[in-house]
Amino acid sequence: GGGSTRSVSSKEDADIEQLDEAAVMSLSIERYVEKCQEMGGEAAAEWTLWVHKVFDDLMEKFAIRQIKARADGILCVSGSSDIANDYHRTAVSRLLRFAAEASRALEGTKDTRIKGAVCAGRLNVVLLQDGEVNTRVVVYGEPVNACMRMEVTALGGEALISRVAMDKLRDELMDQQSDIPSPIAPSSPPWPPEL
């Protein structure tokens, strides 16, 4: 079994999705505030936009859904099956490949290191409609709570993995007869950005 189960709440403005075998990752930039202070206003804003462009490109490449963007990082989920190639059978391995490529793309730029955590298990995703245009995404469940706690304790250049996510990763890697294609997308944008 696995995948997701959809149900609509009693409120017409909320759609609740239960993901039985999903993975969640919290990723942040080490010493983000200090780096921005060193760079100054406009340079820090350009650099932050570039970092998030790297994250966006890699989320598309690895078929990962962004849940929340912060200036210093992101919270994303994999295994929702809503996005093409977002299979729950590769949820953890795609998040870890995302983190590794993001780390490589950023480490040579302004001595940037990222840190993160990956957890797996049952998640609930709530899509809240705010008018006709804006949709707010809220994710909750024990894997999200654990992921946020673990990410705080990670060191720069490190991605901590929960026991459940490690077991899921082992199962993913042992699935040798998978017919799941690897998503391909353009590489990360160059730094400094072309103005």
Protein backbone atom coordinates (compact mmCIF):
# COMPACT_ATOMS: atom_id res chain seq x y z
CA GLY A 1 0.00 0.00 0.00
CA GLY A 2 0.97 3.61 0.13
CA GLY A 3 0.48 6.81 -1.73
CA SER A 4 -2.09 9.32 -0.70
CA THR A 5 -5.72 9.43 0.33
CA ARG A 6 -7.76 12.54 -0.47
CA SER A 7 -10.71 13.85 1.45
CA VAL A 8 -12.40 17.21 1.58
CA SER A 9 -13.12 18.60 5.02
CA SER A 10 -16.52 19.85 6.07
CA LYS A 11 -15.35 23.36 5.22
CA GLU A 12 -15.54 24.06 1.52
CA ASP A 13 -12.31 26.10 1.58
CA ALA A 14 -9.97 23.31 2.76
CA ASP A 15 -8.71 20.19 1.01
CA ILE A 16 -6.99 17.65 3.28
CA GLU A 17 -4.60 15.11 1.82
CA GLN A 18 -3.28 12.24 3.94
CA LEU A 19 0.07 10.92 2.74
CA ASP A 20 0.69 7.46 4.16
CA GLU A 21 4.28 6.95 2.99
CA ALA A 22 5.67 10.43 2.48
CA ALA A 23 8.94 12.03 3.43
CA VAL A 24 9.55 15.58 4.60
CA MET A 25 12.76 17.62 4.59
CA SER A 26 13.66 20.84 6.34
CA LEU A 27 16.69 22.54 4.79
CA SER A 28 18.34 25.80 5.87
CA ILE A 29 21.38 27.91 5.13
CA GLU A 30 23.97 27.88 7.89
CA ARG A 31 24.65 31.34 9.37
CA TYR A 32 22.16 32.98 7.02
CA VAL A 33 21.66 36.20 9.05
CA GLU A 34 25.42 36.78 9.46
CA LYS A 35 26.00 36.25 5.73
CA CYS A 36 23.29 38.75 4.83
CA GLN A 37 24.71 41.31 7.25
CA GLU A 38 28.19 40.86 5.72
CA MET A 39 26.82 41.35 2.18
CA GLY A 40 24.48 44.24 2.85
CA GLY A 41 20.95 44.96 1.59
CA GLU A 42 20.80 44.62 -2.20
CA ALA A 43 23.58 42.03 -2.49
CA ALA A 44 21.95 39.91 0.25
CA ALA A 45 18.57 40.11 -1.51
CA GLU A 46 20.08 39.06 -4.87
CA TRP A 47 21.96 36.19 -3.23
CA THR A 48 18.82 34.98 -1.39
CA LEU A 49 16.82 35.04 -4.64
CA TRP A 50 19.57 33.05 -6.37
CA VAL A 51 19.65 30.45 -3.55
CA HIS A 52 15.88 29.98 -3.87
CA LYS A 53 16.22 29.70 -7.66
CA VAL A 54 18.64 26.81 -7.05
CA PHE A 55 16.10 25.24 -4.66
CA ASP A 56 13.22 25.75 -7.14
CA ASP A 57 15.16 24.20 -10.03
CA LEU A 58 16.12 21.19 -7.92
CA MET A 59 12.58 20.72 -6.62
CA GLU A 60 11.41 20.57 -10.22
CA LYS A 61 14.23 18.19 -11.16
CA PHE A 62 13.48 15.77 -8.33
CA ALA A 63 9.67 16.19 -8.36
CA ILE A 64 9.43 17.57 -4.83
CA ARG A 65 6.61 19.77 -3.49
CA GLN A 66 7.59 22.90 -1.59
CA ILE A 67 5.48 23.42 1.50
CA LYS A 68 7.03 26.53 2.99
CA ALA A 69 9.77 28.90 1.91
CA ARG A 70 11.65 30.99 4.43
CA ALA A 71 14.42 33.43 3.62
CA ASP A 72 16.93 31.01 5.16
CA GLY A 73 15.53 27.74 3.79
CA ILE A 74 12.61 25.55 2.82
CA LEU A 75 10.29 22.82 4.04
CA CYS A 76 9.34 20.32 1.33
CA VAL A 77 7.58 16.99 0.98
CA SER A 78 8.05 14.05 -1.34
CA GLY A 79 5.81 11.09 -2.05
CA SER A 80 2.57 12.95 -2.67
CA SER A 81 1.98 11.53 -6.16
CA ASP A 82 0.41 14.89 -7.09
CA ILE A 83 3.44 15.95 -9.11
CA ALA A 84 4.66 13.92 -12.10
CA ASN A 85 7.35 11.44 -10.95
CA ASP A 86 6.67 12.14 -7.24
CA TYR A 87 6.43 8.47 -6.32
CA HIS A 88 6.28 7.44 -2.67
CA ARG A 89 8.63 4.52 -3.53
CA THR A 90 11.49 7.02 -4.11
CA ALA A 91 10.50 9.77 -1.65
CA VAL A 92 13.51 9.68 0.69
CA SER A 93 16.17 9.04 -1.95
CA ARG A 94 14.96 12.00 -4.04
CA LEU A 95 15.03 14.32 -1.01
CA LEU A 96 18.59 13.25 -0.21
CA ARG A 97 19.69 13.71 -3.83
CA PHE A 98 18.07 17.15 -3.72
CA ALA A 99 20.02 18.05 -0.56
CA ALA A 100 23.31 16.75 -2.00
CA GLU A 101 22.94 18.72 -5.24
CA ALA A 102 21.85 21.85 -3.39
CA SER A 103 24.88 21.53 -1.14
CA ARG A 104 27.23 21.18 -4.11
CA ALA A 105 25.63 24.11 -5.94
CA LEU A 106 25.86 26.44 -2.95
CA GLU A 107 29.07 25.48 -1.17
CA GLY A 108 31.35 27.30 -3.60
CA THR A 109 29.32 30.50 -3.34
CA LYS A 110 30.08 32.85 -0.48
CA ASP A 111 31.18 29.81 1.56
CA THR A 112 27.53 28.74 1.83
CA ARG A 113 26.70 25.51 3.61
CA ILE A 114 23.28 24.05 4.11
CA LYS A 115 22.00 21.75 6.82
CA GLY A 116 18.87 19.69 7.00
CA ALA A 117 16.87 16.75 8.21
CA VAL A 118 14.71 14.12 6.53
CA CYS A 119 11.89 12.20 8.24
CA ALA A 120 9.26 9.83 6.85
CA GLY A 121 5.85 8.54 7.80
CA ARG A 122 2.22 9.64 7.68
CA LEU A 123 1.68 13.32 6.90
CA ASN A 124 -1.41 15.45 6.46
CA VAL A 125 -1.37 18.27 3.92
CA VAL A 126 -4.06 20.92 4.15
CA LEU A 127 -4.66 23.31 1.27
CA LEU A 128 -6.40 26.42 2.56
CA GLN A 129 -8.00 28.68 -0.03
CA ASP A 130 -7.70 32.38 0.77
CA GLY A 131 -9.95 33.86 -1.87
CA GLU A 132 -9.78 32.63 -5.45
CA VAL A 133 -6.05 33.11 -6.05
CA ASN A 134 -4.05 32.42 -2.88
CA THR A 135 -3.60 28.92 -1.54
CA ARG A 136 -1.80 28.33 1.73
CA VAL A 137 -0.30 24.90 2.35
CA VAL A 138 -0.04 23.53 5.88
CA VAL A 139 1.65 20.21 6.64
CA TYR A 140 1.41 18.45 9.97
CA GLY A 141 2.19 15.13 11.54
CA GLU A 142 4.93 13.68 13.74
CA PRO A 143 7.46 13.46 10.86
CA VAL A 144 7.20 17.25 10.39
CA ASN A 145 7.72 17.92 14.11
CA ALA A 146 10.67 15.54 14.28
CA CYS A 147 12.18 16.98 11.11
CA MET A 148 12.10 20.54 12.44
CA ARG A 149 13.70 19.47 15.74
CA MET A 150 16.42 17.47 13.98
CA GLU A 151 17.26 20.23 11.48
CA VAL A 152 18.04 22.65 14.30
CA THR A 153 20.71 20.27 15.64
CA ALA A 154 22.32 19.48 12.27
CA LEU A 155 25.72 20.94 11.44
CA GLY A 156 26.49 22.76 8.19
CA GLY A 157 26.91 20.30 5.33
CA GLU A 158 24.94 17.64 7.19
CA ALA A 159 21.51 16.07 6.61
CA LEU A 160 20.19 14.07 9.56
CA ILE A 161 17.90 11.14 8.75
CA SER A 162 15.30 9.65 11.09
CA ARG A 163 15.21 5.90 11.70
CA VAL A 164 11.94 5.54 9.76
CA ALA A 165 13.38 7.52 6.83
CA MET A 166 16.53 5.37 6.92
CA ASP A 167 14.43 2.19 6.79
CA LYS A 168 12.44 3.63 3.88
CA LEU A 169 15.66 4.61 2.10
CA ARG A 170 17.00 1.07 2.50
CA ASP A 171 13.78 -0.31 0.99
CA GLU A 172 13.98 2.20 -1.88
CA LEU A 173 17.57 1.22 -2.65
CA MET A 174 16.76 -2.48 -2.53
CA ASP A 175 13.95 -2.05 -5.06
CA GLN A 176 16.13 -2.99 -8.04
CA GLN A 177 13.27 -3.74 -10.42
CA SER A 178 11.73 -0.31 -10.29
CA ASP A 179 10.37 1.10 -13.50
CA ILE A 180 10.36 4.64 -12.15
CA PRO A 181 12.18 7.08 -14.44
CA SER A 182 14.65 9.59 -13.01
CA PRO A 183 13.36 13.11 -13.59
CA ILE A 184 15.71 15.36 -15.55
CA ALA A 185 15.72 19.14 -15.48
CA PRO A 186 18.18 21.96 -16.17
CA SER A 187 21.14 22.47 -13.84
CA SER A 188 21.33 25.21 -11.22
CA PRO A 189 21.68 28.82 -12.35
CA PRO A 190 25.16 30.39 -12.24
CA TRP A 191 26.31 32.77 -9.53
CA PRO A 192 26.51 35.70 -9.69
CA PRO A 193 23.25 36.01 -11.58
CA GLU A 194 23.28 37.68 -14.98
CA LEU A 195 21.77 41.14 -14.52
